[in-house]
PDB file of all heavy atoms in Angstrom:
ATOM      1  N   TYR A   1      18.820  13.375  15.152  1.00  0.00           N
ATOM      2  CA  TYR A   1      19.334  14.463  15.980  1.00  0.00           C
ATOM      3  C   TYR A   1      18.258  15.068  16.905  1.00  0.00           C
ATOM      4  O   TYR A   1      18.507  15.383  18.037  1.00  0.00           O
ATOM      5  CB  TYR A   1      20.071  15.561  15.176  1.00  0.00           C
ATOM      6  CG  TYR A   1      21.345  15.220  14.573  1.00  0.00           C
ATOM      7  CD1 TYR A   1      21.483  15.257  13.196  1.00  0.00           C
ATOM      8  CD2 TYR A   1      22.408  14.774  15.335  1.00  0.00           C
ATOM      9  CE1 TYR A   1      22.742  14.912  12.610  1.00  0.00           C
ATOM     10  CE2 TYR A   1      23.603  14.422  14.836  1.00  0.00           C
ATOM     11  CZ  TYR A   1      23.769  14.475  13.425  1.00  0.00           C
ATOM     12  OH  TYR A   1      24.970  14.135  12.892  1.00  0.00           O
ATOM     13  N   LEU A   2      17.026  15.152  16.370  1.00  0.00           N
ATOM     14  CA  LEU A   2      15.897  15.536  17.178  1.00  0.00           C
ATOM     15  C   LEU A   2      15.621  14.587  18.287  1.00  0.00           C
ATOM     16  O   LEU A   2      15.300  15.016  19.422  1.00  0.00           O
ATOM     17  CB  LEU A   2      14.704  15.778  16.272  1.00  0.00           C
ATOM     18  CG  LEU A   2      13.427  16.369  17.021  1.00  0.00           C
ATOM     19  CD1 LEU A   2      13.678  17.792  17.421  1.00  0.00           C
ATOM     20  CD2 LEU A   2      12.217  16.338  16.051  1.00  0.00           C
ATOM     21  N   CYS A   3      15.725  13.343  17.987  1.00  0.00           N
ATOM     22  CA  CYS A   3      15.607  12.311  19.026  1.00  0.00           C
ATOM     23  C   CYS A   3      16.603  12.447  20.142  1.00  0.00           C
ATOM     24  O   CYS A   3      16.242  12.317  21.319  1.00  0.00           O
ATOM     25  CB  CYS A   3      15.606  10.914  18.363  1.00  0.00           C
ATOM     26  SG  CYS A   3      14.199  10.458  17.382  1.00  0.00           S
ATOM     27  N   LYS A   4      17.790  12.692  19.766  1.00  0.00           N
ATOM     28  CA  LYS A   4      18.871  12.916  20.775  1.00  0.00           C
ATOM     29  C   LYS A   4      18.602  14.212  21.543  1.00  0.00           C
ATOM     30  O   LYS A   4      18.689  14.244  22.768  1.00  0.00           O
ATOM     31  CB  LYS A   4      20.221  12.984  20.038  1.00  0.00           C
ATOM     32  CG  LYS A   4      21.349  13.339  21.056  1.00  0.00           C
ATOM     33  CD  LYS A   4      21.538  12.309  22.103  1.00  0.00           C
ATOM     34  CE  LYS A   4      22.728  12.596  22.941  1.00  0.00           C
ATOM     35  NZ  LYS A   4      22.520  12.246  24.337  1.00  0.00           N
ATOM     36  N   GLU A   5      18.138  15.234  20.904  1.00  0.00           N
ATOM     37  CA  GLU A   5      17.815  16.466  21.535  1.00  0.00           C
ATOM     38  C   GLU A   5      16.637  16.283  22.560  1.00  0.00           C
ATOM     39  O   GLU A   5      16.599  16.790  23.678  1.00  0.00           O
ATOM     40  CB  GLU A   5      17.442  17.493  20.520  1.00  0.00           C
ATOM     41  CG  GLU A   5      17.190  18.933  21.099  1.00  0.00           C
ATOM     42  CD  GLU A   5      16.898  19.906  19.936  1.00  0.00           C
ATOM     43  OE1 GLU A   5      17.002  19.617  18.725  1.00  0.00           O
ATOM     44  OE2 GLU A   5      16.515  21.002  20.297  1.00  0.00           O
ATOM     45  N   ALA A   6      15.634  15.434  22.150  1.00  0.00           N
ATOM     46  CA  ALA A   6      14.549  15.061  23.014  1.00  0.00           C
ATOM     47  C   ALA A   6      15.002  14.357  24.312  1.00  0.00           C
ATOM     48  O   ALA A   6      14.618  14.753  25.378  1.00  0.00           O
ATOM     49  CB  ALA A   6      13.547  14.232  22.348  1.00  0.00           C
ATOM     50  N   VAL A   7      15.914  13.372  24.149  1.00  0.00           N
ATOM     51  CA  VAL A   7      16.430  12.673  25.252  1.00  0.00           C
ATOM     52  C   VAL A   7      17.135  13.594  26.286  1.00  0.00           C
ATOM     53  O   VAL A   7      17.026  13.535  27.445  1.00  0.00           O
ATOM     54  CB  VAL A   7      17.285  11.479  24.925  1.00  0.00           C
ATOM     55  CG1 VAL A   7      17.972  10.812  26.052  1.00  0.00           C
ATOM     56  CG2 VAL A   7      16.523  10.469  24.103  1.00  0.00           C
ATOM     57  N   ASP A   8      17.955  14.455  25.706  1.00  0.00           N
ATOM     58  CA  ASP A   8      18.749  15.397  26.416  1.00  0.00           C
ATOM     59  C   ASP A   8      17.874  16.407  27.166  1.00  0.00           C
ATOM     60  O   ASP A   8      18.069  16.665  28.408  1.00  0.00           O
ATOM     61  CB  ASP A   8      19.705  16.232  25.597  1.00  0.00           C
ATOM     62  CG  ASP A   8      20.879  15.376  25.073  1.00  0.00           C
ATOM     63  OD1 ASP A   8      21.077  14.211  25.540  1.00  0.00           O
ATOM     64  OD2 ASP A   8      21.544  15.792  24.099  1.00  0.00           O
ATOM     65  N   LEU A   9      16.752  16.785  26.548  1.00  0.00           N
ATOM     66  CA  LEU A   9      15.865  17.679  27.168  1.00  0.00           C
ATOM     67  C   LEU A   9      15.121  16.910  28.306  1.00  0.00           C
ATOM     68  O   LEU A   9      14.795  17.562  29.373  1.00  0.00           O
ATOM     69  CB  LEU A   9      14.776  18.156  26.149  1.00  0.00           C
ATOM     70  CG  LEU A   9      13.766  19.280  26.611  1.00  0.00           C
ATOM     71  CD1 LEU A   9      14.477  20.463  27.167  1.00  0.00           C
ATOM     72  CD2 LEU A   9      12.829  19.574  25.456  1.00  0.00           C
ATOM     73  N   VAL A  10      14.766  15.723  28.172  1.00  0.00           N
ATOM     74  CA  VAL A  10      14.084  14.955  29.235  1.00  0.00           C
ATOM     75  C   VAL A  10      14.970  14.925  30.486  1.00  0.00           C
ATOM     76  O   VAL A  10      14.476  14.978  31.605  1.00  0.00           O
ATOM     77  CB  VAL A  10      13.838  13.481  28.732  1.00  0.00           C
ATOM     78  CG1 VAL A  10      13.479  12.587  29.947  1.00  0.00           C
ATOM     79  CG2 VAL A  10      12.631  13.503  27.772  1.00  0.00           C
ATOM     80  N   ARG A  11      16.246  14.898  30.362  1.00  0.00           N
ATOM     81  CA  ARG A  11      17.216  14.920  31.476  1.00  0.00           C
ATOM     82  C   ARG A  11      17.007  16.126  32.350  1.00  0.00           C
ATOM     83  O   ARG A  11      17.217  16.123  33.543  1.00  0.00           O
ATOM     84  CB  ARG A  11      18.647  14.722  30.997  1.00  0.00           C
ATOM     85  CG  ARG A  11      18.831  13.374  30.386  1.00  0.00           C
ATOM     86  CD  ARG A  11      20.376  13.108  30.237  1.00  0.00           C
ATOM     87  NE  ARG A  11      20.652  11.924  29.448  1.00  0.00           N
ATOM     88  CZ  ARG A  11      20.398  10.679  29.844  1.00  0.00           C
ATOM     89  NH1 ARG A  11      19.753  10.443  30.920  1.00  0.00           N
ATOM     90  NH2 ARG A  11      20.663   9.667  29.031  1.00  0.00           N
ATOM     91  N   ILE A  12      16.664  17.274  31.713  1.00  0.00           N
ATOM     92  CA  ILE A  12      16.482  18.521  32.503  1.00  0.00           C
ATOM     93  C   ILE A  12      14.983  18.832  32.763  1.00  0.00           C
ATOM     94  O   ILE A  12      14.748  19.693  33.575  1.00  0.00           O
ATOM     95  CB  ILE A  12      17.226  19.670  31.887  1.00  0.00           C
ATOM     96  CG1 ILE A  12      16.692  19.993  30.490  1.00  0.00           C
ATOM     97  CG2 ILE A  12      18.772  19.450  31.905  1.00  0.00           C
ATOM     98  CD1 ILE A  12      17.309  21.189  29.825  1.00  0.00           C
ATOM     99  N   GLU A  13      14.126  18.192  31.931  1.00  0.00           N
ATOM    100  CA  GLU A  13      12.664  18.474  32.117  1.00  0.00           C
ATOM    101  C   GLU A  13      12.005  17.150  32.366  1.00  0.00           C
ATOM    102  O   GLU A  13      11.035  16.840  31.661  1.00  0.00           O
ATOM    103  CB  GLU A  13      12.113  19.180  30.845  1.00  0.00           C
ATOM    104  CG  GLU A  13      12.674  20.588  30.535  1.00  0.00           C
ATOM    105  CD  GLU A  13      12.116  21.565  31.577  1.00  0.00           C
ATOM    106  OE1 GLU A  13      11.074  21.409  32.143  1.00  0.00           O
ATOM    107  OE2 GLU A  13      12.844  22.607  31.699  1.00  0.00           O
ATOM    108  N   TRP A  14      12.502  16.440  33.422  1.00  0.00           N
ATOM    109  CA  TRP A  14      11.990  15.078  33.641  1.00  0.00           C
ATOM    110  C   TRP A  14      10.427  15.006  33.753  1.00  0.00           C
ATOM    111  O   TRP A  14       9.861  14.101  33.313  1.00  0.00           O
ATOM    112  CB  TRP A  14      12.666  14.552  35.005  1.00  0.00           C
ATOM    113  CG  TRP A  14      12.254  13.170  35.262  1.00  0.00           C
ATOM    114  CD1 TRP A  14      11.471  12.786  36.311  1.00  0.00           C
ATOM    115  CD2 TRP A  14      12.578  11.977  34.561  1.00  0.00           C
ATOM    116  NE1 TRP A  14      11.321  11.387  36.329  1.00  0.00           N
ATOM    117  CE2 TRP A  14      12.020  10.838  35.264  1.00  0.00           C
ATOM    118  CE3 TRP A  14      13.397  11.763  33.436  1.00  0.00           C
ATOM    119  CZ2 TRP A  14      12.161   9.583  34.809  1.00  0.00           C
ATOM    120  CZ3 TRP A  14      13.482  10.458  32.982  1.00  0.00           C
ATOM    121  CH2 TRP A  14      12.872   9.335  33.679  1.00  0.00           C
ATOM    122  N   ASP A  15       9.811  15.995  34.346  1.00  0.00           N
ATOM    123  CA  ASP A  15       8.343  15.945  34.587  1.00  0.00           C
ATOM    124  C   ASP A  15       7.649  16.031  33.238  1.00  0.00           C
ATOM    125  O   ASP A  15       6.419  15.717  33.186  1.00  0.00           O
ATOM    126  CB  ASP A  15       7.871  17.039  35.522  1.00  0.00           C
ATOM    127  CG  ASP A  15       8.303  16.763  36.946  1.00  0.00           C
ATOM    128  OD1 ASP A  15       8.644  15.578  37.284  1.00  0.00           O
ATOM    129  OD2 ASP A  15       8.348  17.789  37.725  1.00  0.00           O
ATOM    130  N   ASP A  16       8.257  16.538  32.176  1.00  0.00           N
ATOM    131  CA  ASP A  16       7.659  16.655  30.885  1.00  0.00           C
ATOM    132  C   ASP A  16       8.023  15.537  29.957  1.00  0.00           C
ATOM    133  O   ASP A  16       7.775  15.613  28.662  1.00  0.00           O
ATOM    134  CB  ASP A  16       8.050  18.003  30.250  1.00  0.00           C
ATOM    135  CG  ASP A  16       7.476  19.149  30.995  1.00  0.00           C
ATOM    136  OD1 ASP A  16       6.367  19.011  31.578  1.00  0.00           O
ATOM    137  OD2 ASP A  16       8.076  20.276  30.985  1.00  0.00           O
ATOM    138  N   ARG A  17       8.542  14.415  30.441  1.00  0.00           N
ATOM    139  CA  ARG A  17       9.135  13.374  29.543  1.00  0.00           C
ATOM    140  C   ARG A  17       8.022  12.759  28.686  1.00  0.00           C
ATOM    141  O   ARG A  17       8.299  12.428  27.534  1.00  0.00           O
ATOM    142  CB  ARG A  17       9.870  12.280  30.385  1.00  0.00           C
ATOM    143  CG  ARG A  17       8.997  11.624  31.424  1.00  0.00           C
ATOM    144  CD  ARG A  17       9.818  10.702  32.360  1.00  0.00           C
ATOM    145  NE  ARG A  17       9.062  10.230  33.392  1.00  0.00           N
ATOM    146  CZ  ARG A  17       8.678  10.805  34.446  1.00  0.00           C
ATOM    147  NH1 ARG A  17       8.876  12.145  34.651  1.00  0.00           N
ATOM    148  NH2 ARG A  17       7.920  10.231  35.406  1.00  0.00           N
ATOM    149  N   GLU A  18       6.835  12.591  29.199  1.00  0.00           N
ATOM    150  CA  GLU A  18       5.826  11.958  28.393  1.00  0.00           C
ATOM    151  C   GLU A  18       5.328  12.869  27.310  1.00  0.00           C
ATOM    152  O   GLU A  18       5.081  12.436  26.192  1.00  0.00           O
ATOM    153  CB  GLU A  18       4.679  11.574  29.321  1.00  0.00           C
ATOM    154  CG  GLU A  18       4.971  10.488  30.275  1.00  0.00           C
ATOM    155  CD  GLU A  18       4.193  10.541  31.597  1.00  0.00           C
ATOM    156  OE1 GLU A  18       3.308  11.387  31.767  1.00  0.00           O
ATOM    157  OE2 GLU A  18       4.527   9.728  32.491  1.00  0.00           O
ATOM    158  N   ILE A  19       5.288  14.191  27.474  1.00  0.00           N
ATOM    159  CA  ILE A  19       4.962  15.072  26.497  1.00  0.00           C
ATOM    160  C   ILE A  19       6.044  15.177  25.435  1.00  0.00           C
ATOM    161  O   ILE A  19       5.718  15.127  24.222  1.00  0.00           O
ATOM    162  CB  ILE A  19       4.772  16.560  27.119  1.00  0.00           C
ATOM    163  CG1 ILE A  19       3.570  16.540  28.048  1.00  0.00           C
ATOM    164  CG2 ILE A  19       4.581  17.627  25.987  1.00  0.00           C
ATOM    165  CD1 ILE A  19       3.486  17.784  28.874  1.00  0.00           C
ATOM    166  N   ILE A  20       7.291  15.183  25.788  1.00  0.00           N
ATOM    167  CA  ILE A  20       8.409  15.152  24.857  1.00  0.00           C
ATOM    168  C   ILE A  20       8.408  13.904  24.015  1.00  0.00           C
ATOM    169  O   ILE A  20       8.481  13.902  22.754  1.00  0.00           O
ATOM    170  CB  ILE A  20       9.782  15.358  25.544  1.00  0.00           C
ATOM    171  CG1 ILE A  20       9.785  16.708  26.235  1.00  0.00           C
ATOM    172  CG2 ILE A  20      10.959  15.129  24.668  1.00  0.00           C
ATOM    173  CD1 ILE A  20      10.877  16.897  27.232  1.00  0.00           C
ATOM    174  N   ALA A  21       8.144  12.788  24.678  1.00  0.00           N
ATOM    175  CA  ALA A  21       8.106  11.525  23.902  1.00  0.00           C
ATOM    176  C   ALA A  21       6.906  11.489  22.924  1.00  0.00           C
ATOM    177  O   ALA A  21       6.991  11.066  21.819  1.00  0.00           O
ATOM    178  CB  ALA A  21       7.919  10.402  24.935  1.00  0.00           C
ATOM    179  N   ASN A  22       5.792  12.064  23.382  1.00  0.00           N
ATOM    180  CA  ASN A  22       4.598  12.221  22.517  1.00  0.00           C
ATOM    181  C   ASN A  22       4.947  12.996  21.204  1.00  0.00           C
ATOM    182  O   ASN A  22       4.465  12.685  20.126  1.00  0.00           O
ATOM    183  CB  ASN A  22       3.434  12.797  23.306  1.00  0.00           C
ATOM    184  CG  ASN A  22       2.252  12.992  22.406  1.00  0.00           C
ATOM    185  OD1 ASN A  22       2.086  14.115  21.845  1.00  0.00           O
ATOM    186  ND2 ASN A  22       1.398  12.003  22.329  1.00  0.00           N
ATOM    187  N   ARG A  23       5.679  14.102  21.388  1.00  0.00           N
ATOM    188  CA  ARG A  23       6.041  14.950  20.240  1.00  0.00           C
ATOM    189  C   ARG A  23       6.846  14.140  19.213  1.00  0.00           C
ATOM    190  O   ARG A  23       6.609  14.259  18.028  1.00  0.00           O
ATOM    191  CB  ARG A  23       6.778  16.173  20.698  1.00  0.00           C
ATOM    192  CG  ARG A  23       6.108  17.058  21.621  1.00  0.00           C
ATOM    193  CD  ARG A  23       4.827  17.674  21.062  1.00  0.00           C
ATOM    194  NE  ARG A  23       4.227  18.605  21.882  1.00  0.00           N
ATOM    195  CZ  ARG A  23       3.247  18.440  22.731  1.00  0.00           C
ATOM    196  NH1 ARG A  23       2.808  17.244  22.824  1.00  0.00           N
ATOM    197  NH2 ARG A  23       2.771  19.421  23.521  1.00  0.00           N
ATOM    198  N   ILE A  24       7.881  13.342  19.672  1.00  0.00           N
ATOM    199  CA  ILE A  24       8.607  12.524  18.790  1.00  0.00           C
ATOM    200  C   ILE A  24       7.719  11.470  18.148  1.00  0.00           C
ATOM    201  O   ILE A  24       7.838  11.143  16.921  1.00  0.00           O
ATOM    202  CB  ILE A  24       9.872  11.975  19.504  1.00  0.00           C
ATOM    203  CG1 ILE A  24      10.799  13.028  19.989  1.00  0.00           C
ATOM    204  CG2 ILE A  24      10.572  10.978  18.516  1.00  0.00           C
ATOM    205  CD1 ILE A  24      11.449  13.880  18.901  1.00  0.00           C
TER     206      ILE A  24
END
């Protein structure tokens, strides 16, 4: 579920995608 939440967040915070991916 956290992975899904991360993907959804990337859609609205595209510039932070690498940071979000790093957290997962």
